[in-house]
Amino acid sequence: MMAPDSLTSSRRRKNRIRHPRFVVGEQVSFAEGTLTGTGVVDAATADFSIIWVWTDDGGGRKMFLQGHGAIVQSAKD
């Protein structure tokens, strides 16, 4: 049987970088591993943990997960 303290610590969530709150249609730049580019926000989950972007280079629609190495920022910055 696990001690109550170890159970609590195993359920703690990692501190993750949160995606900014984008507006659908907003121009963004992104980087994830060796993939970099620009595009337009197509959709996002209610908590912004997942963002979908149509890429400008014809690469299709990409999904970026919060806290998994993706950096998505407004192209205005």
PDB file of N, CA and C in Angstrom:
ATOM      1  N   MET A   1       0.846  -1.183   0.000  1.00  0.00           N
ATOM      2  CA  MET A   1       0.000   0.000   0.000  1.00  0.00           C
ATOM      3  C   MET A   1       0.889   1.243   0.000  1.00  0.00           C
ATOM      4  N   MET A   2       0.504   2.245  -0.777  1.00  0.00           N
ATOM      5  CA  MET A   2       1.277   3.480  -0.863  1.00  0.00           C
ATOM      6  C   MET A   2       0.922   4.412   0.285  1.00  0.00           C
ATOM      7  N   ALA A   3       1.915   5.137   0.740  1.00  0.00           N
ATOM      8  CA  ALA A   3       1.672   6.141   1.774  1.00  0.00           C
ATOM      9  C   ALA A   3       0.889   7.293   1.156  1.00  0.00           C
ATOM     10  N   PRO A   4       0.007   7.937   1.924  1.00  0.00           N
ATOM     11  CA  PRO A   4      -0.793   9.037   1.383  1.00  0.00           C
ATOM     12  C   PRO A   4       0.045  10.146   0.759  1.00  0.00           C
ATOM     13  N   ASP A   5       1.203  10.478   1.348  1.00  0.00           N
ATOM     14  CA  ASP A   5       2.027  11.549   0.796  1.00  0.00           C
ATOM     15  C   ASP A   5       2.579  11.189  -0.578  1.00  0.00           C
ATOM     16  N   SER A   6       2.993   9.941  -0.766  1.00  0.00           N
ATOM     17  CA  SER A   6       3.550   9.548  -2.066  1.00  0.00           C
ATOM     18  C   SER A   6       2.468   9.501  -3.140  1.00  0.00           C
ATOM     19  N   LEU A   7       1.243   9.164  -2.764  1.00  0.00           N
ATOM     20  CA  LEU A   7       0.138   9.154  -3.701  1.00  0.00           C
ATOM     21  C   LEU A   7      -0.160  10.568  -4.174  1.00  0.00           C
ATOM     22  N   THR A   8      -0.171  11.510  -3.240  1.00  0.00           N
ATOM     23  CA  THR A   8      -0.441  12.906  -3.584  1.00  0.00           C
ATOM     24  C   THR A   8       0.626  13.442  -4.512  1.00  0.00           C
ATOM     25  N   SER A   9       1.901  13.174  -4.211  1.00  0.00           N
ATOM     26  CA  SER A   9       2.967  13.717  -5.045  1.00  0.00           C
ATOM     27  C   SER A   9       2.979  13.085  -6.431  1.00  0.00           C
ATOM     28  N   SER A  10       2.540  11.832  -6.572  1.00  0.00           N
ATOM     29  CA  SER A  10       2.523  11.202  -7.893  1.00  0.00           C
ATOM     30  C   SER A  10       1.406  11.745  -8.772  1.00  0.00           C
ATOM     31  N   ARG A  11       0.417  12.373  -8.191  1.00  0.00           N
ATOM     32  CA  ARG A  11      -0.700  12.934  -8.957  1.00  0.00           C
ATOM     33  C   ARG A  11      -0.501  14.405  -9.297  1.00  0.00           C
ATOM     34  N   ARG A  12       0.537  15.005  -8.774  1.00  0.00           N
ATOM     35  CA  ARG A  12       0.756  16.419  -9.052  1.00  0.00           C
ATOM     36  C   ARG A  12       1.043  16.624 -10.518  1.00  0.00           C
ATOM     37  N   ARG A  13       0.543  17.703 -11.038  1.00  0.00           N
ATOM     38  CA  ARG A  13       0.766  18.023 -12.436  1.00  0.00           C
ATOM     39  C   ARG A  13       2.076  18.774 -12.579  1.00  0.00           C
ATOM     40  N   LYS A  14       2.742  18.545 -13.684  1.00  0.00           N
ATOM     41  CA  LYS A  14       3.970  19.269 -13.972  1.00  0.00           C
ATOM     42  C   LYS A  14       3.630  20.716 -14.293  1.00  0.00           C
ATOM     43  N   ASN A  15       4.549  21.611 -13.959  1.00  0.00           N
ATOM     44  CA  ASN A  15       4.368  22.999 -14.372  1.00  0.00           C
ATOM     45  C   ASN A  15       4.629  23.067 -15.868  1.00  0.00           C
ATOM     46  N   ARG A  16       3.648  23.453 -16.605  1.00  0.00           N
ATOM     47  CA  ARG A  16       3.759  23.513 -18.054  1.00  0.00           C
ATOM     48  C   ARG A  16       3.598  24.937 -18.527  1.00  0.00           C
ATOM     49  N   ILE A  17       4.291  25.245 -19.609  1.00  0.00           N
ATOM     50  CA  ILE A  17       4.140  26.558 -20.229  1.00  0.00           C
ATOM     51  C   ILE A  17       2.793  26.568 -20.932  1.00  0.00           C
ATOM     52  N   ARG A  18       2.007  27.557 -20.652  1.00  0.00           N
ATOM     53  CA  ARG A  18       0.678  27.639 -21.259  1.00  0.00           C
ATOM     54  C   ARG A  18       0.737  28.451 -22.550  1.00  0.00           C
ATOM     55  N   HIS A  19      -0.030  28.013 -23.537  1.00  0.00           N
ATOM     56  CA  HIS A  19      -0.152  28.799 -24.756  1.00  0.00           C
ATOM     57  C   HIS A  19      -0.887  30.096 -24.428  1.00  0.00           C
ATOM     58  N   PRO A  20      -0.477  31.186 -25.038  1.00  0.00           N
ATOM     59  CA  PRO A  20      -1.272  32.418 -24.879  1.00  0.00           C
ATOM     60  C   PRO A  20      -2.672  32.186 -25.466  1.00  0.00           C
ATOM     61  N   ARG A  21      -3.576  33.027 -25.113  1.00  0.00           N
ATOM     62  CA  ARG A  21      -4.938  32.906 -25.637  1.00  0.00           C
ATOM     63  C   ARG A  21      -5.014  33.644 -26.973  1.00  0.00           C
ATOM     64  N   PHE A  22      -5.110  32.876 -28.027  1.00  0.00           N
ATOM     65  CA  PHE A  22      -5.164  33.434 -29.365  1.00  0.00           C
ATOM     66  C   PHE A  22      -6.600  33.554 -29.837  1.00  0.00           C
ATOM     67  N   VAL A  23      -6.799  34.412 -30.825  1.00  0.00           N
ATOM     68  CA  VAL A  23      -8.086  34.582 -31.476  1.00  0.00           C
ATOM     69  C   VAL A  23      -8.041  33.786 -32.775  1.00  0.00           C
ATOM     70  N   VAL A  24      -9.112  33.085 -33.101  1.00  0.00           N
ATOM     71  CA  VAL A  24      -9.169  32.376 -34.376  1.00  0.00           C
ATOM     72  C   VAL A  24      -8.932  33.391 -35.487  1.00  0.00           C
ATOM     73  N   GLY A  25      -8.036  33.066 -36.404  1.00  0.00           N
ATOM     74  CA  GLY A  25      -7.682  33.970 -37.491  1.00  0.00           C
ATOM     75  C   GLY A  25      -6.422  34.780 -37.219  1.00  0.00           C
ATOM     76  N   GLU A  26      -5.893  34.678 -35.998  1.00  0.00           N
ATOM     77  CA  GLU A  26      -4.694  35.434 -35.639  1.00  0.00           C
ATOM     78  C   GLU A  26      -3.457  34.818 -36.285  1.00  0.00           C
ATOM     79  N   GLN A  27      -2.580  35.665 -36.806  1.00  0.00           N
ATOM     80  CA  GLN A  27      -1.325  35.214 -37.407  1.00  0.00           C
ATOM     81  C   GLN A  27      -0.332  34.889 -36.289  1.00  0.00           C
ATOM     82  N   VAL A  28       0.291  33.714 -36.352  1.00  0.00           N
ATOM     83  CA  VAL A  28       1.227  33.270 -35.313  1.00  0.00           C
ATOM     84  C   VAL A  28       2.500  32.706 -35.948  1.00  0.00           C
ATOM     85  N   SER A  29       3.545  32.627 -35.137  1.00  0.00           N
ATOM     86  CA  SER A  29       4.741  31.881 -35.520  1.00  0.00           C
ATOM     87  C   SER A  29       4.849  30.713 -34.546  1.00  0.00           C
ATOM     88  N   PHE A  30       5.482  29.628 -34.999  1.00  0.00           N
ATOM     89  CA  PHE A  30       5.562  28.445 -34.149  1.00  0.00           C
ATOM     90  C   PHE A  30       6.904  27.758 -34.322  1.00  0.00           C
ATOM     91  N   ALA A  31       7.271  27.009 -33.297  1.00  0.00           N
ATOM     92  CA  ALA A  31       8.476  26.178 -33.315  1.00  0.00           C
ATOM     93  C   ALA A  31       8.202  24.955 -32.466  1.00  0.00           C
ATOM     94  N   GLU A  32       8.534  23.794 -33.028  1.00  0.00           N
ATOM     95  CA  GLU A  32       8.383  22.533 -32.300  1.00  0.00           C
ATOM     96  C   GLU A  32       9.436  21.584 -32.851  1.00  0.00           C
ATOM     97  N   GLY A  33      10.452  21.304 -32.056  1.00  0.00           N
ATOM     98  CA  GLY A  33      11.564  20.489 -32.547  1.00  0.00           C
ATOM     99  C   GLY A  33      12.256  21.214 -33.690  1.00  0.00           C
ATOM    100  N   THR A  34      12.370  20.555 -34.833  1.00  0.00           N
ATOM    101  CA  THR A  34      12.999  21.182 -35.998  1.00  0.00           C
ATOM    102  C   THR A  34      11.989  21.886 -36.896  1.00  0.00           C
ATOM    103  N   LEU A  35      10.702  21.789 -36.576  1.00  0.00           N
ATOM    104  CA  LEU A  35       9.646  22.416 -37.354  1.00  0.00           C
ATOM    105  C   LEU A  35       9.452  23.865 -36.905  1.00  0.00           C
ATOM    106  N   THR A  36       9.583  24.798 -37.830  1.00  0.00           N
ATOM    107  CA  THR A  36       9.310  26.210 -37.535  1.00  0.00           C
ATOM    108  C   THR A  36       8.504  26.791 -38.683  1.00  0.00           C
ATOM    109  N   GLY A  37       7.777  27.852 -38.409  1.00  0.00           N
ATOM    110  CA  GLY A  37       7.024  28.496 -39.473  1.00  0.00           C
ATOM    111  C   GLY A  37       6.029  29.499 -38.945  1.00  0.00           C
ATOM    112  N   THR A  38       5.145  29.890 -39.819  1.00  0.00           N
ATOM    113  CA  THR A  38       4.077  30.825 -39.482  1.00  0.00           C
ATOM    114  C   THR A  38       2.765  30.252 -39.986  1.00  0.00           C
ATOM    115  N   GLY A  39       1.683  30.790 -39.475  1.00  0.00           N
ATOM    116  CA  GLY A  39       0.376  30.332 -39.902  1.00  0.00           C
ATOM    117  C   GLY A  39      -0.724  31.119 -39.230  1.00  0.00           C
ATOM    118  N   VAL A  40      -1.933  30.614 -39.363  1.00  0.00           N
ATOM    119  CA  VAL A  40      -3.123  31.267 -38.827  1.00  0.00           C
ATOM    120  C   VAL A  40      -3.826  30.300 -37.886  1.00  0.00           C
ATOM    121  N   VAL A  41      -4.191  30.791 -36.696  1.00  0.00           N
ATOM    122  CA  VAL A  41      -4.904  29.958 -35.722  1.00  0.00           C
ATOM    123  C   VAL A  41      -6.257  29.580 -36.304  1.00  0.00           C
ATOM    124  N   ASP A  42      -6.521  28.284 -36.350  1.00  0.00           N
ATOM    125  CA  ASP A  42      -7.781  27.775 -36.877  1.00  0.00           C
ATOM    126  C   ASP A  42      -8.763  27.453 -35.766  1.00  0.00           C
ATOM    127  N   ALA A  43      -8.248  26.897 -34.659  1.00  0.00           N
ATOM    128  CA  ALA A  43      -9.112  26.504 -33.545  1.00  0.00           C
ATOM    129  C   ALA A  43      -8.261  26.263 -32.307  1.00  0.00           C
ATOM    130  N   ALA A  44      -8.922  26.226 -31.163  1.00  0.00           N
ATOM    131  CA  ALA A  44      -8.253  25.912 -29.900  1.00  0.00           C
ATOM    132  C   ALA A  44      -9.274  25.302 -28.953  1.00  0.00           C
ATOM    133  N   THR A  45      -8.791  24.467 -28.046  1.00  0.00           N
ATOM    134  CA  THR A  45      -9.680  23.927 -27.022  1.00  0.00           C
ATOM    135  C   THR A  45     -10.037  25.058 -26.056  1.00  0.00           C
ATOM    136  N   ALA A  46     -11.058  24.856 -25.263  1.00  0.00           N
ATOM    137  CA  ALA A  46     -11.544  25.892 -24.340  1.00  0.00           C
ATOM    138  C   ALA A  46     -10.469  26.341 -23.352  1.00  0.00           C
ATOM    139  N   ASP A  47      -9.586  25.417 -22.963  1.00  0.00           N
ATOM    140  CA  ASP A  47      -8.527  25.774 -22.011  1.00  0.00           C
ATOM    141  C   ASP A  47      -7.210  26.144 -22.705  1.00  0.00           C
ATOM    142  N   PHE A  48      -7.220  26.202 -24.036  1.00  0.00           N
ATOM    143  CA  PHE A  48      -6.060  26.559 -24.860  1.00  0.00           C
ATOM    144  C   PHE A  48      -4.888  25.595 -24.694  1.00  0.00           C
ATOM    145  N   SER A  49      -5.155  24.371 -24.262  1.00  0.00           N
ATOM    146  CA  SER A  49      -4.075  23.393 -24.136  1.00  0.00           C
ATOM    147  C   SER A  49      -3.711  22.782 -25.489  1.00  0.00           C
ATOM    148  N   ILE A  50      -4.616  22.893 -26.456  1.00  0.00           N
ATOM    149  CA  ILE A  50      -4.347  22.434 -27.816  1.00  0.00           C
ATOM    150  C   ILE A  50      -4.742  23.546 -28.777  1.00  0.00           C
ATOM    151  N   ILE A  51      -3.846  23.829 -29.721  1.00  0.00           N
ATOM    152  CA  ILE A  51      -4.088  24.864 -30.726  1.00  0.00           C
ATOM    153  C   ILE A  51      -3.859  24.242 -32.095  1.00  0.00           C
ATOM    154  N   TRP A  52      -4.741  24.527 -33.043  1.00  0.00           N
ATOM    155  CA  TRP A  52      -4.572  24.079 -34.422  1.00  0.00           C
ATOM    156  C   TRP A  52      -4.243  25.290 -35.276  1.00  0.00           C
ATOM    157  N   VAL A  53      -3.231  25.141 -36.125  1.00  0.00           N
ATOM    158  CA  VAL A  53      -2.751  26.240 -36.966  1.00  0.00           C
ATOM    159  C   VAL A  53      -2.674  25.768 -38.413  1.00  0.00           C
ATOM    160  N   TRP A  54      -3.245  26.568 -39.344  1.00  0.00           N
ATOM    161  CA  TRP A  54      -3.034  26.335 -40.773  1.00  0.00           C
ATOM    162  C   TRP A  54      -1.725  27.001 -41.129  1.00  0.00           C
ATOM    163  N   THR A  55      -0.767  26.231 -41.634  1.00  0.00           N
ATOM    164  CA  THR A  55       0.554  26.779 -41.930  1.00  0.00           C
ATOM    165  C   THR A  55       0.527  27.586 -43.223  1.00  0.00           C
ATOM    166  N   ASP A  56       1.380  28.605 -43.280  1.00  0.00           N
ATOM    167  CA  ASP A  56       1.461  29.463 -44.458  1.00  0.00           C
ATOM    168  C   ASP A  56       2.208  28.808 -45.612  1.00  0.00           C
ATOM    169  N   ASP A  57       3.029  27.799 -45.338  1.00  0.00           N
ATOM    170  CA  ASP A  57       3.857  27.203 -46.385  1.00  0.00           C
ATOM    171  C   ASP A  57       3.181  26.039 -47.104  1.00  0.00           C
ATOM    172  N   GLY A  58       1.890  25.866 -46.896  1.00  0.00           N
ATOM    173  CA  GLY A  58       1.180  24.778 -47.559  1.00  0.00           C
ATOM    174  C   GLY A  58       1.360  23.436 -46.867  1.00  0.00           C
ATOM    175  N   GLY A  59       1.862  23.457 -45.636  1.00  0.00           N
ATOM    176  CA  GLY A  59       2.106  22.223 -44.889  1.00  0.00           C
ATOM    177  C   GLY A  59       0.870  21.654 -44.222  1.00  0.00           C
ATOM    178  N   GLY A  60      -0.265  22.265 -44.447  1.00  0.00           N
ATOM    179  CA  GLY A  60      -1.503  21.759 -43.864  1.00  0.00           C
ATOM    180  C   GLY A  60      -1.768  22.300 -42.470  1.00  0.00           C
ATOM    181  N   ARG A  61      -2.625  21.608 -41.767  1.00  0.00           N
ATOM    182  CA  ARG A  61      -3.056  22.007 -40.420  1.00  0.00           C
ATOM    183  C   ARG A  61      -2.212  21.256 -39.397  1.00  0.00           C
ATOM    184  N   LYS A  62      -1.641  21.997 -38.455  1.00  0.00           N
ATOM    185  CA  LYS A  62      -0.793  21.405 -37.417  1.00  0.00           C
ATOM    186  C   LYS A  62      -1.460  21.569 -36.056  1.00  0.00           C
ATOM    187  N   MET A  63      -1.276  20.562 -35.199  1.00  0.00           N
ATOM    188  CA  MET A  63      -1.797  20.610 -33.841  1.00  0.00           C
ATOM    189  C   MET A  63      -0.624  20.788 -32.885  1.00  0.00           C
ATOM    190  N   PHE A  64      -0.739  21.749 -31.985  1.00  0.00           N
ATOM    191  CA  PHE A  64       0.302  22.005 -30.998  1.00  0.00           C
ATOM    192  C   PHE A  64      -0.271  21.767 -29.607  1.00  0.00           C
ATOM    193  N   LEU A  65       0.400  20.907 -28.842  1.00  0.00           N
ATOM    194  CA  LEU A  65      -0.023  20.562 -27.492  1.00  0.00           C
ATOM    195  C   LEU A  65       0.752  21.376 -26.474  1.00  0.00           C
ATOM    196  N   GLN A  66       0.054  21.959 -25.533  1.00  0.00           N
ATOM    197  CA  GLN A  66       0.674  22.724 -24.455  1.00  0.00           C
ATOM    198  C   GLN A  66       1.602  21.838 -23.647  1.00  0.00           C
ATOM    199  N   GLY A  67       2.790  22.326 -23.365  1.00  0.00           N
ATOM    200  CA  GLY A  67       3.706  21.618 -22.486  1.00  0.00           C
ATOM    201  C   GLY A  67       4.460  20.472 -23.131  1.00  0.00           C
ATOM    202  N   HIS A  68       4.414  20.367 -24.446  1.00  0.00           N
ATOM    203  CA  HIS A  68       5.101  19.275 -25.134  1.00  0.00           C
ATOM    204  C   HIS A  68       6.171  19.803 -26.075  1.00  0.00           C
ATOM    205  N   GLY A  69       6.789  20.920 -25.738  1.00  0.00           N
ATOM    206  CA  GLY A  69       7.890  21.456 -26.523  1.00  0.00           C
ATOM    207  C   GLY A  69       7.506  22.437 -27.616  1.00  0.00           C
ATOM    208  N   ALA A  70       6.234  22.697 -27.798  1.00  0.00           N
ATOM    209  CA  ALA A  70       5.798  23.629 -28.832  1.00  0.00           C
ATOM    210  C   ALA A  70       5.833  25.062 -28.301  1.00  0.00           C
ATOM    211  N   ILE A  71       6.317  25.960 -29.134  1.00  0.00           N
ATOM    212  CA  ILE A  71       6.273  27.386 -28.821  1.00  0.00           C
ATOM    213  C   ILE A  71       5.425  28.049 -29.897  1.00  0.00           C
ATOM    214  N   VAL A  72       4.331  28.650 -29.495  1.00  0.00           N
ATOM    215  CA  VAL A  72       3.454  29.360 -30.405  1.00  0.00           C
ATOM    216  C   VAL A  72       3.299  30.763 -29.876  1.00  0.00           C
ATOM    217  N   GLN A  73       3.571  31.747 -30.728  1.00  0.00           N
ATOM    218  CA  GLN A  73       3.452  33.146 -30.280  1.00  0.00           C
ATOM    219  C   GLN A  73       2.856  33.982 -31.400  1.00  0.00           C
ATOM    220  N   SER A  74       2.282  35.097 -30.997  1.00  0.00           N
ATOM    221  CA  SER A  74       1.678  36.000 -31.962  1.00  0.00           C
ATOM    222  C   SER A  74       2.750  36.535 -32.893  1.00  0.00           C
ATOM    223  N   ALA A  75       2.425  36.640 -34.169  1.00  0.00           N
ATOM    224  CA  ALA A  75       3.371  37.183 -35.147  1.00  0.00           C
ATOM    225  C   ALA A  75       3.549  38.689 -34.954  1.00  0.00           C
ATOM    226  N   LYS A  76       2.666  39.318 -34.174  1.00  0.00           N
ATOM    227  CA  LYS A  76       2.775  40.752 -33.896  1.00  0.00           C
ATOM    228  C   LYS A  76       3.953  41.080 -33.021  1.00  0.00           C
ATOM    229  N   ASP A  77       4.404  40.093 -32.201  1.00  0.00           N
ATOM    230  CA  ASP A  77       5.502  40.336 -31.253  1.00  0.00           C
ATOM    231  C   ASP A  77       6.831  40.536 -31.946  1.00  0.00           C
TER     232      ASP A  77
END
